[in-house]
Amino acid sequence: MSDNTHRVAPTGHYAPGEEPSAEAFEKALHEVATALDGADLQYVLMGGVGTSTIARPRVTDDIDLFVTPEDAPRVLDRLADAGFDTEIAEPSWLYKAFRHGVLVDIIFRSSGDVYLDEQMLERAQHREIKGARFPVISPEDLLVIKAVAASEIGPHHWYDALAIIARGDLDWDYVVARARRAGPRRVLSLILYAESNDVAIPVEPVRRLFADLFPTITED
């Protein structure tokens, strides 16, 4: 490989020195789109690529597909047929595929026991990413998933979610409804933190989540 080949900055998915090149990443992205095209599969793109598409530019070196549990084996099979190396990493929530040194995560249960459903699929936005076309998870759904997934070893999820809030134009009624199912405390904490950083937040979602969590507390 030429010294001039641009490599994706390391993010912890690969051993040092084994990070895929930007060219390999783009090639794998196209091959994923081609493999899944026309297969009548229910999935959306999320993760770092999704965040970069709808919220903020940031480094990512893997491809995250959010799929239904029923379609997860079919997605894995389609990628295997397209030449990807595949494995069942965690039978309860995660399969993996590899091509050109690029990791593809096939996720069918996210943090907070969030599953891909009809509402998410209906709200997905079809976007072109580096010349490949994908259904991309909605900002509202990604916000909730990121807020719930944030941890000491994954703080980028928190800042991805903040970037989604900062972009504005969110359906806050839907955010509240999703937060109630997956992690109301996390989402309330996130939007209060965003407010503390001078990101304008409507009062109503804060009031509704606070009332859900602390119903015995009343205003003076």
Protein backbone atom coordinates (compact mmCIF):
# COMPACT_ATOMS: atom_id res chain seq x y z
CA MET A 1 0.00 0.00 0.00
CA SER A 2 1.26 3.43 -0.95
CA ASP A 3 2.39 5.84 1.74
CA ASN A 4 0.00 8.33 0.14
CA THR A 5 -3.07 6.19 0.83
CA HIS A 6 -5.38 8.07 3.16
CA ARG A 7 -6.37 6.04 6.21
CA VAL A 8 -9.39 6.43 8.41
CA ALA A 9 -8.33 7.70 11.83
CA PRO A 10 -8.36 4.97 14.51
CA THR A 11 -11.48 4.65 16.65
CA GLY A 12 -10.83 1.38 18.49
CA HIS A 13 -12.55 -1.07 16.15
CA TYR A 14 -9.27 -2.37 14.75
CA ALA A 15 -5.82 -3.30 15.95
CA PRO A 16 -3.28 -0.44 15.62
CA GLY A 17 -2.10 -0.17 12.05
CA GLU A 18 -5.00 -2.21 10.67
CA GLU A 19 -7.45 0.64 10.21
CA PRO A 20 -9.01 0.59 6.74
CA SER A 21 -8.14 3.22 4.18
CA ALA A 22 -10.78 5.77 3.21
CA GLU A 23 -10.84 4.14 -0.21
CA ALA A 24 -11.51 0.69 1.30
CA PHE A 25 -14.24 2.13 3.51
CA GLU A 26 -16.00 3.74 0.57
CA LYS A 27 -15.72 0.53 -1.45
CA ALA A 28 -17.21 -1.54 1.38
CA LEU A 29 -20.01 1.00 1.81
CA HIS A 30 -20.93 0.66 -1.86
CA GLU A 31 -20.83 -3.13 -1.69
CA VAL A 32 -23.13 -3.17 1.35
CA ALA A 33 -25.64 -0.98 -0.51
CA THR A 34 -25.46 -3.20 -3.59
CA ALA A 35 -25.81 -6.42 -1.60
CA LEU A 36 -28.94 -5.22 0.19
CA ASP A 37 -30.57 -3.39 -2.70
CA GLY A 38 -33.87 -4.90 -3.82
CA ALA A 39 -33.82 -7.62 -1.17
CA ASP A 40 -36.99 -6.47 0.64
CA LEU A 41 -35.09 -6.17 3.90
CA GLN A 42 -36.02 -3.89 6.78
CA TYR A 43 -33.00 -1.90 7.90
CA VAL A 44 -31.62 1.60 8.41
CA LEU A 45 -28.12 2.97 8.53
CA MET A 46 -27.12 4.46 11.88
CA GLY A 47 -23.90 4.79 13.92
CA GLY A 48 -21.10 7.11 12.89
CA VAL A 49 -22.07 7.20 9.23
CA GLY A 50 -25.63 8.10 10.20
CA THR A 51 -24.41 10.79 12.57
CA SER A 52 -22.10 12.25 9.93
CA THR A 53 -24.98 12.34 7.48
CA ILE A 54 -27.63 14.02 9.63
CA ALA A 55 -25.83 15.82 12.46
CA ARG A 56 -22.10 16.49 12.45
CA PRO A 57 -19.02 15.44 10.50
CA ARG A 58 -16.92 13.03 12.49
CA VAL A 59 -14.46 10.20 11.96
CA THR A 60 -15.92 6.73 11.62
CA ASP A 61 -14.39 3.51 10.36
CA ASP A 62 -17.24 1.01 10.57
CA ILE A 63 -20.73 0.66 9.09
CA ASP A 64 -23.68 0.15 11.45
CA LEU A 65 -26.88 -1.40 10.14
CA PHE A 66 -29.94 -1.50 12.39
CA VAL A 67 -32.21 -4.35 11.33
CA THR A 68 -35.19 -6.28 12.61
CA PRO A 69 -34.42 -9.51 14.46
CA GLU A 70 -36.28 -11.41 11.74
CA ASP A 71 -34.17 -9.90 8.96
CA ALA A 72 -30.78 -10.08 10.72
CA PRO A 73 -29.97 -13.61 9.41
CA ARG A 74 -31.07 -12.62 5.90
CA VAL A 75 -28.86 -9.51 5.96
CA LEU A 76 -25.93 -11.65 7.10
CA ASP A 77 -26.61 -14.14 4.29
CA ARG A 78 -26.84 -11.41 1.66
CA LEU A 79 -23.50 -9.99 2.73
CA ALA A 80 -21.93 -13.45 2.80
CA ASP A 81 -23.19 -14.07 -0.75
CA ALA A 82 -21.60 -10.76 -1.78
CA GLY A 83 -18.18 -11.89 -0.56
CA PHE A 84 -18.17 -10.54 3.01
CA ASP A 85 -16.71 -12.64 5.82
CA THR A 86 -19.45 -13.01 8.43
CA GLU A 87 -19.87 -14.11 12.02
CA ILE A 88 -22.51 -14.30 14.73
CA ALA A 89 -20.77 -12.18 17.36
CA GLU A 90 -23.52 -11.88 20.00
CA PRO A 91 -26.56 -14.08 19.23
CA SER A 92 -28.90 -11.83 21.23
CA TRP A 93 -28.13 -8.57 19.43
CA LEU A 94 -25.14 -8.42 17.04
CA TYR A 95 -23.77 -10.03 13.89
CA LYS A 96 -20.64 -8.87 12.07
CA ALA A 97 -19.40 -8.81 8.50
CA PHE A 98 -16.02 -7.79 7.05
CA ARG A 99 -14.97 -6.70 3.59
CA HIS A 100 -11.79 -4.92 2.45
CA GLY A 101 -10.78 -4.77 6.12
CA VAL A 102 -13.94 -2.80 7.00
CA LEU A 103 -16.26 -3.87 9.83
CA VAL A 104 -20.02 -3.94 9.31
CA ASP A 105 -22.08 -4.27 12.50
CA ILE A 106 -25.54 -5.79 12.02
CA ILE A 107 -27.44 -4.70 15.13
CA PHE A 108 -30.91 -6.00 15.92
CA ARG A 109 -31.27 -4.92 19.57
CA SER A 110 -29.84 -1.61 20.66
CA SER A 111 -29.17 -0.31 24.19
CA GLY A 112 -32.36 0.12 26.18
CA ASP A 113 -33.91 -2.87 24.37
CA VAL A 114 -34.67 -0.71 21.35
CA TYR A 115 -35.76 -2.65 18.27
CA LEU A 116 -36.28 -1.43 14.72
CA ASP A 117 -40.02 -1.03 14.15
CA GLU A 118 -42.49 0.34 11.62
CA GLN A 119 -42.39 3.89 12.99
CA MET A 120 -38.61 4.02 12.61
CA LEU A 121 -38.81 2.62 9.09
CA GLU A 122 -41.49 5.13 8.09
CA ARG A 123 -39.41 8.03 9.41
CA ALA A 124 -36.15 6.91 7.80
CA GLN A 125 -34.65 9.30 5.26
CA HIS A 126 -33.16 7.96 2.02
CA ARG A 127 -29.79 9.62 1.54
CA GLU A 128 -26.86 9.32 -0.82
CA ILE A 129 -23.61 8.73 1.08
CA LYS A 130 -20.38 8.74 -0.90
CA GLY A 131 -22.38 7.73 -3.95
CA ALA A 132 -24.23 4.87 -2.21
CA ARG A 133 -27.91 5.17 -1.34
CA PHE A 134 -29.23 4.08 2.06
CA PRO A 135 -32.26 4.49 4.31
CA VAL A 136 -30.84 6.52 7.20
CA ILE A 137 -32.36 6.47 10.69
CA SER A 138 -34.28 9.61 11.63
CA PRO A 139 -32.57 12.25 13.80
CA GLU A 140 -35.12 11.71 16.57
CA ASP A 141 -34.57 7.96 16.75
CA LEU A 142 -30.81 8.31 16.58
CA LEU A 143 -30.89 10.94 19.35
CA VAL A 144 -32.67 8.57 21.74
CA ILE A 145 -30.50 5.58 20.84
CA LYS A 146 -27.31 7.62 21.28
CA ALA A 147 -28.43 9.08 24.61
CA VAL A 148 -29.18 5.61 25.99
CA ALA A 149 -26.00 4.05 24.58
CA ALA A 150 -23.60 6.67 25.99
CA SER A 151 -21.11 5.27 28.49
CA GLU A 152 -17.61 5.78 29.84
CA ILE A 153 -16.18 3.76 26.96
CA GLY A 154 -18.51 5.37 24.42
CA PRO A 155 -18.78 9.08 25.27
CA HIS A 156 -19.00 9.97 21.58
CA HIS A 157 -22.64 8.80 21.63
CA TRP A 158 -23.50 11.63 24.03
CA TYR A 159 -21.87 14.25 21.84
CA ASP A 160 -23.43 12.81 18.71
CA ALA A 161 -26.82 13.21 20.38
CA LEU A 162 -26.01 16.79 21.37
CA ALA A 163 -25.11 17.55 17.75
CA ILE A 164 -28.48 16.19 16.65
CA ILE A 165 -30.24 18.52 19.09
CA ALA A 166 -28.12 21.47 17.98
CA ARG A 167 -29.12 20.98 14.34
CA GLY A 168 -32.71 21.84 15.35
CA ASP A 169 -35.97 21.03 13.56
CA LEU A 170 -36.82 17.98 15.68
CA ASP A 171 -40.20 16.40 16.30
CA TRP A 172 -40.13 16.72 20.06
CA ASP A 173 -43.44 14.90 20.57
CA TYR A 174 -41.87 11.87 18.91
CA VAL A 175 -38.64 12.25 20.89
CA VAL A 176 -40.62 12.22 24.15
CA ALA A 177 -42.64 9.18 23.08
CA ARG A 178 -39.48 7.28 22.17
CA ALA A 179 -37.67 8.41 25.31
CA ARG A 180 -40.49 7.10 27.48
CA ARG A 181 -39.96 3.62 26.05
CA ALA A 182 -36.17 3.48 26.02
CA GLY A 183 -34.63 5.80 28.60
CA PRO A 184 -36.47 8.88 29.85
CA ARG A 185 -33.83 9.75 32.45
CA ARG A 186 -31.03 9.67 29.89
CA VAL A 187 -32.92 11.80 27.39
CA LEU A 188 -34.01 14.30 30.05
CA SER A 189 -30.40 14.53 31.27
CA LEU A 190 -29.24 15.05 27.70
CA ILE A 191 -31.61 17.88 26.89
CA LEU A 192 -30.90 19.62 30.20
CA TYR A 193 -27.18 19.33 29.46
CA ALA A 194 -27.79 20.75 25.98
CA GLU A 195 -29.66 23.67 27.58
CA SER A 196 -26.73 24.25 29.93
CA ASN A 197 -24.56 24.62 26.82
CA ASP A 198 -26.84 27.31 25.39
CA VAL A 199 -28.63 25.02 22.96
CA ALA A 200 -32.25 26.17 22.81
CA ILE A 201 -34.67 23.45 23.96
CA PRO A 202 -38.48 23.80 23.98
CA VAL A 203 -39.90 23.82 27.49
CA GLU A 204 -42.65 21.27 26.84
CA PRO A 205 -40.52 18.12 26.34
CA VAL A 206 -38.57 18.97 29.49
CA ARG A 207 -41.78 19.47 31.46
CA ARG A 208 -43.34 16.24 30.17
CA LEU A 209 -40.34 14.03 30.88
CA PHE A 210 -39.81 15.62 34.29
CA ALA A 211 -43.48 15.06 35.19
CA ASP A 212 -43.22 11.43 34.12
CA LEU A 213 -40.16 10.82 36.26
CA PHE A 214 -41.00 12.95 39.29
CA PRO A 215 -44.82 13.13 39.52
CA THR A 216 -44.86 14.00 43.22
CA ILE A 217 -42.81 17.14 42.76
CA THR A 218 -45.00 20.19 42.19
CA GLU A 219 -44.25 23.81 41.48
CA ASP A 220 -44.34 26.27 44.36
